[in-house]
Amino acid sequence: MRRLLIIWSKRAGIQKHITFHCARHSFITNIMLQGANIKTASVLAGHSTVRHTEKYVHIIDKVKQQAVDSLPDLELDDWK
């Protein structure tokens, strides 16, 4: 697995040292960003309970908030 991580990292242009833990964290975060629910992510991560997966939720919440914050302000006067 380590050899594959090195190959994938180089192909992606990533220069930093990528560990299995880092790759696993990225996998879980990405599937949740794509809409997987926490139970599914927990099972795929091999966590014994959903509580172990809950630490990833704050990342998803932050991304969602950034998406909402990126919307332009609406001026109420423009709606009259």
N, C-alpha and C. Protein backbone atom coordinates (compact mmCIF):
# COMPACT_ATOMS: atom_id res chain seq x y z
N MET A 1 0.83 -1.18 0.00
CA MET A 1 0.00 0.00 0.00
C MET A 1 0.88 1.25 0.00
N ARG A 2 1.95 1.21 0.75
CA ARG A 2 2.84 2.38 0.83
C ARG A 2 3.40 2.73 -0.55
N ARG A 3 3.78 1.71 -1.31
CA ARG A 3 4.33 1.96 -2.65
C ARG A 3 3.29 2.64 -3.54
N LEU A 4 2.05 2.19 -3.44
CA LEU A 4 0.98 2.80 -4.24
C LEU A 4 0.76 4.26 -3.84
N LEU A 5 0.83 4.54 -2.55
CA LEU A 5 0.66 5.92 -2.09
C LEU A 5 1.75 6.82 -2.66
N ILE A 6 2.96 6.31 -2.71
CA ILE A 6 4.08 7.08 -3.27
C ILE A 6 3.83 7.35 -4.76
N ILE A 7 3.42 6.34 -5.49
CA ILE A 7 3.13 6.48 -6.92
C ILE A 7 2.01 7.48 -7.15
N TRP A 8 0.89 7.31 -6.43
CA TRP A 8 -0.26 8.21 -6.59
C TRP A 8 0.12 9.64 -6.23
N SER A 9 0.87 9.81 -5.16
CA SER A 9 1.28 11.15 -4.73
C SER A 9 2.12 11.82 -5.81
N LYS A 10 3.08 11.09 -6.36
CA LYS A 10 3.93 11.66 -7.41
C LYS A 10 3.11 12.02 -8.64
N ARG A 11 2.20 11.16 -9.04
CA ARG A 11 1.35 11.44 -10.21
C ARG A 11 0.48 12.68 -9.98
N ALA A 12 0.08 12.89 -8.74
CA ALA A 12 -0.76 14.04 -8.40
C ALA A 12 0.07 15.31 -8.19
N GLY A 13 1.39 15.17 -8.22
CA GLY A 13 2.26 16.32 -8.03
C GLY A 13 2.41 16.72 -6.57
N ILE A 14 2.10 15.82 -5.67
CA ILE A 14 2.21 16.10 -4.24
C ILE A 14 3.65 15.82 -3.80
N GLN A 15 4.28 16.81 -3.22
CA GLN A 15 5.68 16.68 -2.82
C GLN A 15 5.87 16.22 -1.38
N LYS A 16 4.84 16.39 -0.55
CA LYS A 16 5.01 16.04 0.87
C LYS A 16 4.88 14.53 1.10
N HIS A 17 5.36 14.10 2.23
CA HIS A 17 5.31 12.69 2.64
C HIS A 17 3.86 12.35 3.01
N ILE A 18 3.27 11.41 2.30
CA ILE A 18 1.88 11.01 2.54
C ILE A 18 1.89 9.66 3.25
N THR A 19 1.24 9.62 4.39
CA THR A 19 1.14 8.38 5.16
C THR A 19 -0.18 7.68 4.85
N PHE A 20 -0.28 6.44 5.25
CA PHE A 20 -1.53 5.71 5.09
C PHE A 20 -2.64 6.42 5.86
N HIS A 21 -2.34 6.91 7.06
CA HIS A 21 -3.33 7.61 7.87
C HIS A 21 -3.85 8.84 7.13
N CYS A 22 -2.96 9.58 6.51
CA CYS A 22 -3.35 10.78 5.76
C CYS A 22 -4.25 10.40 4.58
N ALA A 23 -3.89 9.35 3.87
CA ALA A 23 -4.68 8.89 2.73
C ALA A 23 -6.07 8.43 3.18
N ARG A 24 -6.11 7.74 4.29
CA ARG A 24 -7.38 7.24 4.84
C ARG A 24 -8.28 8.41 5.24
N HIS A 25 -7.68 9.40 5.89
CA HIS A 25 -8.41 10.60 6.29
C HIS A 25 -8.97 11.31 5.06
N SER A 26 -8.16 11.43 4.02
CA SER A 26 -8.61 12.07 2.78
C SER A 26 -9.75 11.30 2.14
N PHE A 27 -9.65 9.98 2.14
CA PHE A 27 -10.71 9.14 1.58
C PHE A 27 -12.03 9.38 2.30
N ILE A 28 -12.00 9.33 3.62
CA ILE A 28 -13.23 9.50 4.39
C ILE A 28 -13.82 10.89 4.17
N THR A 29 -12.97 11.90 4.22
CA THR A 29 -13.43 13.27 4.02
C THR A 29 -14.05 13.43 2.64
N ASN A 30 -13.39 12.90 1.61
CA ASN A 30 -13.90 13.04 0.25
C ASN A 30 -15.22 12.32 0.02
N ILE A 31 -15.38 11.13 0.58
CA ILE A 31 -16.66 10.46 0.36
C ILE A 31 -17.78 11.19 1.08
N MET A 32 -17.47 11.79 2.23
CA MET A 32 -18.49 12.57 2.93
C MET A 32 -18.81 13.85 2.17
N LEU A 33 -17.81 14.47 1.56
CA LEU A 33 -18.04 15.66 0.75
C LEU A 33 -18.90 15.34 -0.47
N GLN A 34 -18.82 14.11 -0.95
CA GLN A 34 -19.60 13.69 -2.10
C GLN A 34 -20.99 13.20 -1.71
N GLY A 35 -21.31 13.27 -0.43
CA GLY A 35 -22.67 12.99 0.00
C GLY A 35 -22.87 11.71 0.79
N ALA A 36 -21.82 10.95 1.03
CA ALA A 36 -21.99 9.73 1.84
C ALA A 36 -22.39 10.12 3.26
N ASN A 37 -23.32 9.37 3.83
CA ASN A 37 -23.71 9.67 5.20
C ASN A 37 -22.65 9.15 6.17
N ILE A 38 -22.76 9.58 7.40
CA ILE A 38 -21.73 9.26 8.39
C ILE A 38 -21.66 7.76 8.68
N LYS A 39 -22.78 7.07 8.63
CA LYS A 39 -22.79 5.62 8.88
C LYS A 39 -22.00 4.89 7.78
N THR A 40 -22.25 5.26 6.53
CA THR A 40 -21.54 4.64 5.42
C THR A 40 -20.04 4.92 5.52
N ALA A 41 -19.68 6.17 5.80
CA ALA A 41 -18.27 6.52 5.95
C ALA A 41 -17.63 5.74 7.09
N SER A 42 -18.36 5.58 8.17
CA SER A 42 -17.86 4.84 9.32
C SER A 42 -17.56 3.39 8.97
N VAL A 43 -18.48 2.77 8.25
CA VAL A 43 -18.30 1.37 7.84
C VAL A 43 -17.10 1.24 6.90
N LEU A 44 -17.02 2.14 5.91
CA LEU A 44 -15.91 2.09 4.96
C LEU A 44 -14.56 2.35 5.62
N ALA A 45 -14.58 3.15 6.67
CA ALA A 45 -13.34 3.44 7.40
C ALA A 45 -12.95 2.31 8.34
N GLY A 46 -13.90 1.44 8.61
CA GLY A 46 -13.62 0.34 9.53
C GLY A 46 -13.69 0.76 10.98
N HIS A 47 -14.36 1.88 11.24
CA HIS A 47 -14.51 2.34 12.62
C HIS A 47 -15.49 1.44 13.37
N SER A 48 -15.22 1.23 14.63
CA SER A 48 -16.09 0.37 15.42
C SER A 48 -17.42 1.05 15.77
N THR A 49 -17.41 2.38 15.84
CA THR A 49 -18.64 3.13 16.09
C THR A 49 -18.62 4.40 15.25
N VAL A 50 -19.78 4.99 15.08
CA VAL A 50 -19.90 6.24 14.34
C VAL A 50 -19.19 7.37 15.09
N ARG A 51 -19.04 7.24 16.38
CA ARG A 51 -18.37 8.28 17.17
C ARG A 51 -16.96 8.55 16.67
N HIS A 52 -16.29 7.52 16.18
CA HIS A 52 -14.93 7.70 15.65
C HIS A 52 -14.93 8.51 14.36
N THR A 53 -16.03 8.46 13.65
CA THR A 53 -16.14 9.15 12.36
C THR A 53 -16.61 10.59 12.54
N GLU A 54 -17.19 10.90 13.67
CA GLU A 54 -17.73 12.23 13.91
C GLU A 54 -16.69 13.34 13.80
N LYS A 55 -15.43 13.01 14.02
CA LYS A 55 -14.39 14.04 13.94
C LYS A 55 -14.24 14.60 12.53
N TYR A 56 -14.73 13.87 11.53
CA TYR A 56 -14.65 14.34 10.15
C TYR A 56 -15.78 15.29 9.79
N VAL A 57 -16.84 15.29 10.57
CA VAL A 57 -18.02 16.09 10.26
C VAL A 57 -17.70 17.59 10.30
N HIS A 58 -16.86 18.04 11.21
CA HIS A 58 -16.57 19.47 11.29
C HIS A 58 -15.92 19.98 10.01
N ILE A 59 -15.17 19.14 9.33
CA ILE A 59 -14.56 19.54 8.05
C ILE A 59 -15.65 19.76 7.01
N ILE A 60 -16.62 18.86 6.99
CA ILE A 60 -17.72 18.96 6.03
C ILE A 60 -18.57 20.19 6.32
N ASP A 61 -18.85 20.43 7.60
CA ASP A 61 -19.64 21.60 7.98
C ASP A 61 -18.94 22.89 7.57
N LYS A 62 -17.62 22.93 7.71
CA LYS A 62 -16.85 24.11 7.34
C LYS A 62 -16.94 24.36 5.83
N VAL A 63 -16.85 23.31 5.04
CA VAL A 63 -16.94 23.43 3.58
C VAL A 63 -18.33 23.92 3.18
N LYS A 64 -19.35 23.38 3.82
CA LYS A 64 -20.72 23.82 3.52
C LYS A 64 -20.89 25.30 3.86
N GLN A 65 -20.37 25.72 5.00
CA GLN A 65 -20.49 27.12 5.40
C GLN A 65 -19.75 28.03 4.42
N GLN A 66 -18.59 27.60 3.96
CA GLN A 66 -17.84 28.39 2.98
C GLN A 66 -18.63 28.54 1.67
N ALA A 67 -19.33 27.48 1.28
CA ALA A 67 -20.14 27.54 0.07
C ALA A 67 -21.26 28.57 0.22
N VAL A 68 -21.92 28.56 1.36
CA VAL A 68 -23.00 29.53 1.61
C VAL A 68 -22.42 30.94 1.67
N ASP A 69 -21.30 31.10 2.34
CA ASP A 69 -20.67 32.42 2.47
C ASP A 69 -20.20 32.98 1.13
N SER A 70 -19.98 32.12 0.15
CA SER A 70 -19.51 32.58 -1.15
C SER A 70 -20.61 33.20 -2.00
N LEU A 71 -21.87 33.04 -1.58
CA LEU A 71 -22.98 33.64 -2.31
C LEU A 71 -22.94 35.15 -2.19
N PRO A 72 -23.34 35.86 -3.25
CA PRO A 72 -23.34 37.33 -3.17
C PRO A 72 -24.43 37.82 -2.22
N ASP A 73 -24.17 38.98 -1.63
CA ASP A 73 -25.17 39.58 -0.77
C ASP A 73 -26.35 40.03 -1.61
N LEU A 74 -27.55 39.85 -1.10
CA LEU A 74 -28.76 40.29 -1.80
C LEU A 74 -29.24 41.60 -1.16
N GLU A 75 -29.39 42.58 -1.97
CA GLU A 75 -29.90 43.85 -1.50
C GLU A 75 -31.42 43.81 -1.54
N LEU A 76 -32.05 44.07 -0.42
CA LEU A 76 -33.51 44.03 -0.36
C LEU A 76 -34.14 45.06 -1.28
N ASP A 77 -33.48 46.19 -1.51
CA ASP A 77 -34.04 47.24 -2.37
C ASP A 77 -34.17 46.72 -3.80
N ASP A 78 -33.34 45.76 -4.21
CA ASP A 78 -33.39 45.23 -5.57
C ASP A 78 -34.64 44.37 -5.78
N TRP A 79 -35.31 43.98 -4.73
CA TRP A 79 -36.47 43.08 -4.83
C TRP A 79 -37.79 43.83 -4.88
N LYS A 80 -37.74 45.13 -4.80
CA LYS A 80 -38.99 45.93 -4.81
C LYS A 80 -39.41 46.25 -6.20
